[in-house]
Protein backbone atom coordinates (compact mmCIF):
# COMPACT_ATOMS: atom_id res chain seq x y z
CA MET A 1 15.13 23.04 -13.22
CA ALA A 2 15.05 19.74 -11.89
CA THR A 3 13.19 17.16 -14.19
CA THR A 4 12.76 13.42 -13.56
CA ARG A 5 12.29 10.90 -16.07
CA PRO A 6 9.17 11.24 -18.05
CA GLY A 7 5.94 9.17 -17.60
CA PRO A 8 2.54 8.75 -16.53
CA LEU A 9 3.06 9.38 -12.80
CA SER A 10 5.87 11.77 -13.31
CA GLY A 11 5.35 14.23 -10.43
CA CYS A 12 3.54 11.87 -8.22
CA THR A 13 5.07 10.84 -4.55
CA LEU A 14 4.01 7.55 -3.76
CA VAL A 15 4.79 6.00 -0.28
CA VAL A 16 5.29 1.62 -0.39
CA THR A 17 4.46 0.20 3.25
CA ALA A 18 5.58 -3.52 2.08
CA HIS A 19 8.59 -5.04 3.11
CA ARG A 20 8.40 -8.49 0.50
CA ARG A 21 8.70 -7.89 -2.65
CA ALA A 22 8.86 -4.09 -2.39
CA ASP A 23 11.58 -3.71 -4.83
CA ASP A 24 9.21 -5.08 -7.65
CA LEU A 25 6.25 -2.65 -6.40
CA ILE A 26 9.00 0.31 -6.38
CA ALA A 27 10.48 -0.54 -9.71
CA SER A 28 7.05 -0.75 -11.35
CA PHE A 29 6.01 2.74 -10.20
CA GLU A 30 9.58 4.82 -10.75
CA ARG A 31 9.66 3.13 -14.35
CA ARG A 32 6.14 5.12 -14.13
CA GLY A 33 7.84 8.02 -13.50
CA ALA A 34 6.79 8.29 -9.66
CA LYS A 35 8.96 8.66 -6.53
CA VAL A 36 8.90 6.27 -4.19
CA VAL A 37 9.03 6.60 -0.80
CA HIS A 38 9.79 2.83 0.78
CA ALA A 39 8.64 3.07 4.32
CA PRO A 40 7.99 -0.76 5.52
CA THR A 41 6.33 -1.14 8.21
CA LEU A 42 6.86 -4.26 9.37
CA GLN A 43 9.45 -7.12 8.32
CA ILE A 44 9.07 -10.91 7.61
CA ILE A 45 11.55 -12.86 9.81
CA PRO A 46 11.66 -16.16 8.40
CA ILE A 47 12.59 -18.98 10.86
CA GLU A 48 13.36 -21.96 8.53
CA GLU A 49 16.01 -23.14 11.47
CA ASP A 50 13.59 -22.69 14.02
CA ALA A 51 13.66 -25.48 16.49
CA ALA A 52 9.93 -25.08 17.06
CA LEU A 53 9.16 -25.22 13.01
CA VAL A 54 11.29 -28.36 12.86
CA GLU A 55 9.48 -30.12 15.84
CA ALA A 56 6.05 -29.28 14.00
CA THR A 57 6.90 -30.63 11.07
CA ARG A 58 7.99 -33.78 12.96
CA ARG A 59 4.79 -34.23 14.29
CA VAL A 60 2.86 -33.72 11.44
CA ILE A 61 4.90 -36.31 9.26
CA ALA A 62 4.27 -38.47 12.23
CA ASN A 63 0.87 -38.08 13.15
CA PRO A 64 -0.58 -37.19 9.18
CA PRO A 65 -3.04 -34.73 8.59
CA ASP A 66 -6.66 -35.63 6.70
CA ASP A 67 -6.55 -31.64 5.61
CA VAL A 68 -3.97 -29.22 5.17
CA VAL A 69 -4.82 -25.40 4.33
CA VAL A 70 -2.01 -23.46 2.72
CA THR A 71 -2.82 -19.84 3.32
CA THR A 72 0.43 -17.96 1.68
CA ALA A 73 2.48 -18.77 -0.87
CA VAL A 74 5.71 -17.34 0.90
CA GLY A 75 4.83 -19.18 3.80
CA PHE A 76 4.40 -23.10 1.98
CA ARG A 77 7.53 -22.27 0.33
CA GLY A 78 8.74 -21.49 3.46
CA TRP A 79 8.19 -24.85 4.80
CA ILE A 80 9.42 -26.36 2.31
CA GLU A 81 12.64 -24.94 2.30
CA ALA A 82 12.62 -25.71 6.51
CA ALA A 83 12.10 -29.72 6.05
CA ASP A 84 14.65 -29.43 3.32
CA THR A 85 17.29 -28.26 5.55
CA ALA A 86 16.30 -30.38 8.53
CA GLY A 87 16.38 -33.42 6.15
CA LEU A 88 12.61 -33.98 6.35
CA ALA A 89 11.30 -33.15 2.74
CA ALA A 90 11.12 -36.22 1.23
CA ASP A 91 8.70 -37.38 4.17
CA LEU A 92 6.85 -34.35 4.70
CA LEU A 93 5.91 -34.00 0.71
CA SER A 94 4.88 -38.03 1.27
CA THR A 95 2.70 -36.75 4.31
CA LEU A 96 1.18 -34.09 2.11
CA GLU A 97 0.55 -36.11 -0.97
CA GLN A 98 -2.17 -38.12 1.25
CA ALA A 99 -3.55 -35.30 2.30
CA ARG A 100 -6.06 -32.91 1.14
CA LEU A 101 -4.38 -29.44 0.47
CA LEU A 102 -6.73 -26.78 0.42
CA ALA A 103 -5.35 -23.19 -1.08
CA ARG A 104 -6.48 -20.26 -0.32
CA GLY A 105 -6.09 -18.60 -3.59
CA PRO A 106 -4.18 -18.67 -6.75
CA LYS A 107 -0.58 -18.04 -5.37
CA ALA A 108 -1.18 -20.60 -2.43
CA ARG A 109 -2.14 -23.06 -5.09
CA GLY A 110 0.84 -21.95 -7.31
CA ALA A 111 3.38 -22.74 -4.22
CA ILE A 112 1.71 -26.15 -3.94
CA ARG A 113 2.28 -27.28 -7.66
CA ALA A 114 5.71 -25.70 -7.45
CA ALA A 115 6.30 -28.49 -5.02
CA GLY A 116 4.98 -30.85 -7.09
CA LEU A 117 1.92 -31.34 -5.33
CA VAL A 118 -1.90 -30.76 -6.87
CA GLU A 119 -4.53 -29.10 -4.64
CA HIS A 120 -7.50 -30.57 -3.55
CA TRP A 121 -9.59 -27.12 -3.87
CA SER A 122 -8.73 -23.26 -3.80
CA ALA A 123 -10.69 -20.33 -2.82
CA LYS A 124 -12.00 -18.01 -5.03
CA SER A 125 -12.16 -14.94 -2.41
CA GLU A 126 -8.59 -15.77 -1.24
CA THR A 127 -9.67 -15.97 2.32
CA THR A 128 -9.36 -18.04 4.69
CA ALA A 129 -13.10 -17.98 5.97
CA GLU A 130 -13.86 -19.34 2.72
CA VAL A 131 -11.93 -22.47 3.00
CA VAL A 132 -13.53 -22.57 7.14
CA GLU A 133 -16.98 -22.55 4.76
CA TRP A 134 -15.84 -25.12 2.73
CA LEU A 135 -14.84 -27.74 5.05
CA GLN A 136 -17.83 -27.26 7.31
CA ASN A 137 -19.82 -28.10 4.48
CA GLU A 138 -17.87 -30.92 3.63
CA GLY A 139 -17.90 -32.32 7.25
CA VAL A 140 -14.63 -31.74 9.34
CA SER A 141 -15.76 -34.09 12.53
CA GLY A 142 -13.18 -36.32 13.65
CA ARG A 143 -10.98 -34.77 11.05
CA LYS A 144 -6.72 -33.69 11.33
CA ILE A 145 -6.35 -30.20 10.13
CA VAL A 146 -3.28 -28.43 9.80
CA VAL A 147 -3.67 -24.87 9.53
CA GLN A 148 -0.27 -22.83 7.90
CA LEU A 149 -0.61 -19.80 9.94
CA HIS A 150 0.02 -15.73 8.23
CA GLY A 151 0.41 -12.65 9.68
CA MET A 152 -3.53 -12.20 10.17
CA SER A 153 -4.87 -15.32 10.95
CA ASP A 154 -8.14 -15.41 12.25
CA PRO A 155 -8.24 -17.37 15.75
CA GLY A 156 -12.26 -17.41 15.24
CA SER A 157 -11.93 -19.31 12.07
CA LEU A 158 -9.78 -22.13 13.77
CA GLU A 159 -11.82 -22.31 16.67
CA ALA A 160 -15.29 -22.81 14.40
CA LEU A 161 -13.56 -25.72 12.46
CA ARG A 162 -12.65 -27.36 16.52
CA SER A 163 -15.88 -26.40 17.34
CA ALA A 164 -17.48 -28.57 14.52
CA GLY A 165 -15.51 -31.46 15.96
CA ALA A 166 -12.02 -30.66 13.86
CA SER A 167 -8.30 -31.38 15.36
CA VAL A 168 -7.29 -28.75 14.30
CA ARG A 169 -2.95 -27.39 14.48
CA GLY A 170 -1.47 -23.91 13.46
CA LEU A 171 1.70 -24.05 11.66
CA GLU A 172 3.75 -21.23 11.92
CA VAL A 173 6.27 -20.64 9.41
CA TYR A 174 7.28 -16.48 9.42
CA ARG A 175 7.09 -14.28 12.04
CA TRP A 176 6.32 -10.21 11.60
CA GLY A 177 9.15 -8.26 13.35
CA PRO A 178 9.20 -4.30 13.87
CA ALA A 179 9.97 -1.93 11.15
CA PRO A 180 13.49 -1.82 10.42
CA ASP A 181 13.63 2.06 10.55
CA GLU A 182 10.83 3.40 12.52
CA ALA A 183 11.97 6.81 12.00
CA ALA A 184 11.10 6.18 8.03
CA VAL A 185 7.83 5.31 8.97
CA ASP A 186 7.37 8.32 11.11
CA ARG A 187 8.65 10.44 8.38
CA ALA A 188 6.43 8.99 5.57
CA ILE A 189 3.20 9.13 8.28
CA GLY A 190 4.21 12.85 8.56
CA GLN A 191 4.44 13.53 4.56
CA ILE A 192 1.04 11.52 4.35
CA CYS A 193 -0.92 14.22 6.68
CA ALA A 194 0.81 16.94 5.24
CA GLY A 195 -0.96 15.89 1.82
CA ALA A 196 2.88 15.58 -0.01
CA VAL A 197 2.45 12.26 -1.35
CA ASP A 198 -0.03 11.32 -3.62
CA ALA A 199 -1.05 7.88 -2.75
CA VAL A 200 0.15 5.22 0.09
CA VAL A 201 0.24 1.66 -0.95
CA HIS A 202 -0.10 -1.30 1.01
CA THR A 203 0.29 -5.06 0.29
CA SER A 204 -0.48 -6.92 3.61
CA ALA A 205 -2.91 -6.51 6.48
CA PRO A 206 -0.46 -6.45 9.18
CA GLY A 207 1.69 -3.69 7.29
CA ALA A 208 -1.42 -1.82 6.93
CA GLN A 209 -2.41 -2.30 10.83
CA ALA A 210 1.26 -1.46 12.10
CA MET A 211 1.09 2.12 9.76
CA LEU A 212 -1.95 2.86 11.93
CA ASP A 213 -0.29 1.57 14.92
CA ALA A 214 2.97 3.65 14.38
CA ALA A 215 0.62 6.44 13.37
CA ALA A 216 -1.33 6.76 17.34
CA ARG A 217 2.12 5.91 19.30
CA SER A 218 3.57 9.22 17.68
CA GLY A 219 -0.25 11.00 18.14
CA VAL A 220 -1.05 11.57 14.90
CA TYR A 221 -3.63 9.00 14.51
CA ASP A 222 -6.28 11.12 13.88
CA GLU A 223 -4.44 13.10 11.88
CA LEU A 224 -3.75 10.27 9.79
CA VAL A 225 -7.34 8.93 9.29
CA ALA A 226 -8.94 12.32 8.82
CA THR A 227 -6.46 12.05 5.34
CA LEU A 228 -6.69 8.85 4.50
CA ARG A 229 -10.66 9.32 4.53
CA GLY A 230 -10.93 13.17 3.14
CA GLY A 231 -9.48 11.86 0.25
CA ARG A 232 -6.36 14.08 -0.54
CA VAL A 233 -4.16 11.29 -0.24
CA MET A 234 -5.27 7.54 -1.81
CA ASN A 235 -5.24 4.50 0.45
CA ALA A 236 -4.33 1.56 -1.82
CA CYS A 237 -4.68 -1.84 -0.59
CA VAL A 238 -3.44 -5.04 -3.13
CA GLY A 239 -6.65 -6.62 -1.97
CA PRO A 240 -9.71 -7.35 1.00
CA ILE A 241 -8.07 -8.86 3.35
CA THR A 242 -4.97 -6.00 3.38
CA ALA A 243 -7.68 -3.27 3.55
CA LEU A 244 -9.47 -5.23 6.21
CA PRO A 245 -7.60 -2.67 9.16
CA PHE A 246 -8.83 0.29 7.03
CA ARG A 247 -12.53 -1.10 6.74
CA THR A 248 -12.59 -1.98 10.12
CA ILE A 249 -12.34 1.52 11.38
CA GLY A 250 -14.34 3.12 8.46
CA LEU A 251 -12.55 3.90 5.99
CA ASP A 252 -12.67 2.40 2.09
CA PRO A 253 -9.03 1.98 0.67
CA VAL A 254 -8.63 1.46 -3.29
CA VAL A 255 -8.56 -2.33 -4.17
CA PRO A 256 -8.19 -3.66 -7.68
CA ASP A 257 -10.53 -6.44 -8.96
CA ARG A 258 -7.79 -8.94 -8.88
CA PHE A 259 -6.26 -9.21 -5.50
CA ARG A 260 -2.48 -9.03 -7.49
CA LEU A 261 0.46 -6.69 -7.58
CA GLY A 262 -0.03 -6.08 -11.21
CA ALA A 263 -3.44 -5.34 -10.84
CA LEU A 264 -2.61 -2.92 -8.46
CA ILE A 265 -0.16 -1.26 -9.93
CA ARG A 266 -2.74 -0.60 -12.46
CA ILE A 267 -5.18 0.54 -10.54
CA VAL A 268 -3.43 3.29 -8.24
CA THR A 269 -1.86 4.52 -11.85
CA ASP A 270 -5.08 4.59 -13.47
CA LYS A 271 -6.69 6.80 -10.58
CA LEU A 272 -3.94 9.30 -9.89
CA ILE A 273 -4.08 9.69 -14.03
CA ASP A 274 -7.58 10.21 -14.02
CA ASP A 275 -7.64 12.69 -11.10
CA ASN A 276 -8.21 15.87 -13.16
CA ALA A 277 -9.50 18.17 -10.23
CA ARG A 278 -6.02 19.79 -9.79
CA SER A 279 -5.55 20.45 -13.18
CA ILE A 280 -5.80 23.33 -15.53
CA GLU A 281 -4.59 24.26 -19.26
CA THR A 282 -2.48 26.92 -19.54
CA GLU A 283 -0.43 29.15 -21.68
CA LEU A 284 2.55 27.09 -21.38
CA GLY A 285 0.79 23.76 -21.80
CA PRO A 286 -1.08 21.27 -18.93
CA LEU A 287 -0.18 21.98 -15.78
CA VAL A 288 -1.09 19.39 -13.32
CA ILE A 289 -0.55 19.72 -9.32
CA ARG A 290 0.58 16.43 -7.37
CA GLY A 291 1.41 15.68 -3.51
CA GLY A 292 4.71 17.03 -3.95
CA ALA A 293 5.66 18.52 -7.53
CA ALA A 294 3.71 20.04 -10.51
CA VAL A 295 3.73 18.73 -13.89
CA LEU A 296 3.73 21.55 -16.56
CA ASP A 297 3.51 20.58 -20.19
CA GLY A 298 5.37 17.28 -19.03
CA THR A 299 8.14 18.81 -16.97
CA VAL A 300 8.31 17.78 -13.26
CA LEU A 301 8.98 20.85 -10.93
CA PRO A 302 9.26 19.52 -7.68
CA LEU A 303 8.09 22.58 -5.35
CA GLY A 304 8.33 23.33 -1.49
CA PRO A 305 5.12 23.30 0.62
CA GLY A 306 4.60 26.88 0.70
CA PRO A 307 5.22 27.47 -3.56
CA ARG A 308 3.06 23.90 -3.99
CA ALA A 309 0.34 25.48 -1.90
CA VAL A 310 0.25 28.78 -3.41
CA LEU A 311 0.00 27.13 -7.02
CA ALA A 312 -2.70 24.94 -5.99
CA ALA A 313 -4.81 27.89 -5.17
CA LEU A 314 -4.52 29.69 -7.92
CA VAL A 315 -5.00 26.40 -9.67
CA ALA A 316 -8.26 26.20 -8.10
CA ALA A 317 -8.95 29.77 -9.43
CA GLY A 318 -9.15 28.65 -12.77
CA GLY A 319 -7.38 31.70 -13.88
CA ASP A 320 -9.52 34.16 -11.82
CA VAL A 321 -7.31 36.45 -9.11
CA VAL A 322 -6.62 35.28 -5.95
CA SER A 323 -5.86 37.97 -3.34
CA ARG A 324 -3.12 38.50 -1.07
CA PRO A 325 -4.61 37.56 2.10
CA ASP A 326 -6.38 34.30 0.54
CA LEU A 327 -2.85 33.04 -0.35
CA LEU A 328 -1.97 34.05 3.23
CA SER A 329 -4.76 31.78 4.58
CA VAL A 330 -3.02 28.53 2.51
CA LEU A 331 0.36 29.11 4.13
CA PRO A 332 0.57 27.91 7.66
CA GLY A 333 2.85 30.01 10.23
CA ALA A 334 2.78 33.07 7.25
CA GLU A 335 1.83 36.01 9.44
CA ASP A 336 1.86 39.19 7.05
CA VAL A 337 1.14 39.57 3.18
CA HIS A 338 4.85 39.91 2.35
CA ALA A 339 5.28 36.04 3.04
CA VAL A 340 3.16 35.96 0.21
CA GLU A 341 5.62 38.16 -2.48
CA VAL A 342 8.29 35.79 -1.50
CA THR A 343 6.81 32.94 -1.58
CA VAL A 344 5.43 33.54 -5.38
CA ASN A 345 8.74 34.80 -6.34
CA ARG A 346 10.05 31.26 -5.37
CA LEU A 347 7.34 29.87 -7.11
CA ARG A 348 8.25 31.53 -10.26
CA THR A 349 11.67 30.68 -9.83
CA ALA A 350 10.77 27.10 -9.95
CA ILE A 351 8.33 27.07 -12.74
CA GLY A 352 11.48 28.70 -14.85
CA ARG A 353 9.01 30.28 -16.34
CA PRO A 354 7.64 33.58 -14.59
CA GLU A 355 4.88 34.79 -16.81
CA LEU A 356 3.03 31.51 -15.94
CA VAL A 357 1.89 33.85 -12.10
CA ARG A 358 1.04 36.88 -12.97
CA THR A 359 0.40 40.18 -11.10
CA VAL A 360 -2.81 41.97 -11.13
CA VAL A 361 -2.01 45.68 -8.94
CA ARG A 362 -3.80 46.25 -6.27
CA ARG A 363 -5.97 42.76 -6.19
CA GLY A 364 -3.22 40.18 -5.78
CA TYR A 365 -2.43 37.22 -8.59
CA ARG A 366 -3.72 34.81 -11.46
CA LEU A 367 -2.41 31.98 -13.16
CA ALA A 368 -2.04 32.97 -16.91
CA VAL A 369 -4.67 30.04 -18.56
CA ALA A 370 -5.17 29.10 -22.09
CA GLY A 371 -7.96 31.84 -23.40
CA GLY A 372 -7.67 33.68 -20.46
CA ALA A 373 -7.13 37.59 -20.28
CA SER A 374 -3.67 39.06 -21.35
C-alpha cells in the first residue's frame, strides 16, 4: 500500500504557480504532508546588466528625485545590485538618502532598511494606490517622483500623479517572462479542472493572470473559472493585489489577513483541515476524501479518478446503499454496470481492506461506517 509521510495535509495535492521563492513555499507544504505540483505560470527575468536600467540609474543620480516609491523588495534589491555592478551604488545610495522613500509595504520597507536607508512612510494596505493617495494628500505639484515598477504596476495611478502636477519616472528592474514549462502549466490546469487537486496557490498578480490566460489559450477558460467558482478546488492568493485578476472576473479567492507567505500557508492548511464535507467515520477509522487521494485512519491511499469517484459517492451516502446505476453515473466514459464492478474491485485493492466497501446483494454497495449495519 502506497503511503506518504503523515502530516496535517496528508493526501492533499496542491498546485503552486509561483516562480520566485517557490522552493520555500513548496517545502512548507510538503513538510505538512502535501503533494505539490509546481507549475510556474511566469518567470522573473532580472535585468541587472540591462543597459536601459543602468542608463535610467544614471539619470536618477544626475537629476535627483524628491520622492522614490519602492513597490517590491526584490525590485529594490535588484536596483541596488545593478547599480553596484555598474559602479554606481555609492552615488545612487547618496541620491536616495536625500529623497523621501515611500514603501508600498513591510517587505519594501525591509529592503530599504537593508540598504542602510530609512523610509519616510510605509503603506499599511501594501498597495500602490495608497502610496499615490498619500502623495496626493501631501501635494505633488512640481515634485519629481521615481516609481520602481513591478509586474502589475497601475499606469492609471502614475497618471494621477502627473495630472496633479508631478514629474513621474518609472523604473523597471525586472520583467516577467513566459512560463518555463508551458506544458506543465497546461497539465496543472487540467488537474484543477478535473478536481484532482485540493488547492491552487498564487503569490503574484501577473502569475495569477497568466494562469487565466493559459487556460484561455487551451480552450478551458470557462471550465477553469467554473471549477474555482464552485469551490471544488480552493483558490488561494497571498494578498489582495494577487487576488485582483480573479476578483475582476467575479471570483472570491482565499486571502490571509496578513499578506505573507507564512500566513498564506497557515490559512490554506487550516481550511483544508477544517473541510469535513468529504469525511466520515468508518469501522476502520476516519476516512477523508481529498483531491487526488483518500486518507484512511492516517494512511494515504492514492487513487485513480474512477476509484476516487466511487469512494466519494459512497462517503456522500453516509453508509447508505448506492446502486450500481448511480455509481455508473459518476464514472465518465463508462457504459455499463460491469465497469462499476471493476472499479469497486480496484478500489478495494487500493485500500487494502476490502471489507470497507461492502456488497449489498441486488442493490449495490455501501461503506462500512462506524455504528452501521453489519
